[in-house]
C-alpha cells in the first residue's frame, strides 16, 4: 500500500499551517471561555472539579503546543502522530458522547464562541485527520536546540494555562 504522505514541500507546509492554525485557534477559544469548558467536562462526572480544571488546562496547553510545533515544523513526526492520536480520541469520544448524557448541542471544540454540534464536530475531526495524514514528517525545519525549544514552549503553555483562572 502506497503511503498517503505528500512529497511536495509547499503542500506539506500549507497543510501544516492549516492544521496547526486550527489547533492554536481551538486552544485560544477554549482559553477565552475556560469556565464554560471546565463545567462541560465536569458534567461528565469522571473527575472531581479540581482535577477537571487541571485536566482541561493541560488539554488546552497540549493543543496549543501541538499547533505551534506543527506550524514551526519542530518534531514533526511526534507532532503529526500526537495530533492524529488526539483527533482520534476526540472522534471516539464524540461517537460515544450520548452515553454520558451531556449536552450534545455544543462540543466546546472552540469554546463557546463557535458552536459545533456533535455531528459537525465529527465532520471537522474527520476533515482535520484528512489534512494531517498527508503531512510529510520528513519535510520540516532543522531547529537548533530543538529539544530546548520543545521544552520551553511546552512549559510556557502549561504555565500560561494554569495561570488563567487558576484551579
Foldseek 3Di string as FASTA:
>chain_A
DDALADPDLVLLLVLLLVLLVLLQQLLVLCLVQVVVVLVQQCLLVPDDSQVSLLVVLLVSLLSNLLSVCSNQLFPLVVSLVVLLVVLVVVLVCLVCVVVSVGDQQAPSSRHPPDGDGSVRSNVVSVVNNVSSRRNDSVNHDDDVVSVVVSVVSSVVSSVVSCPRVHD
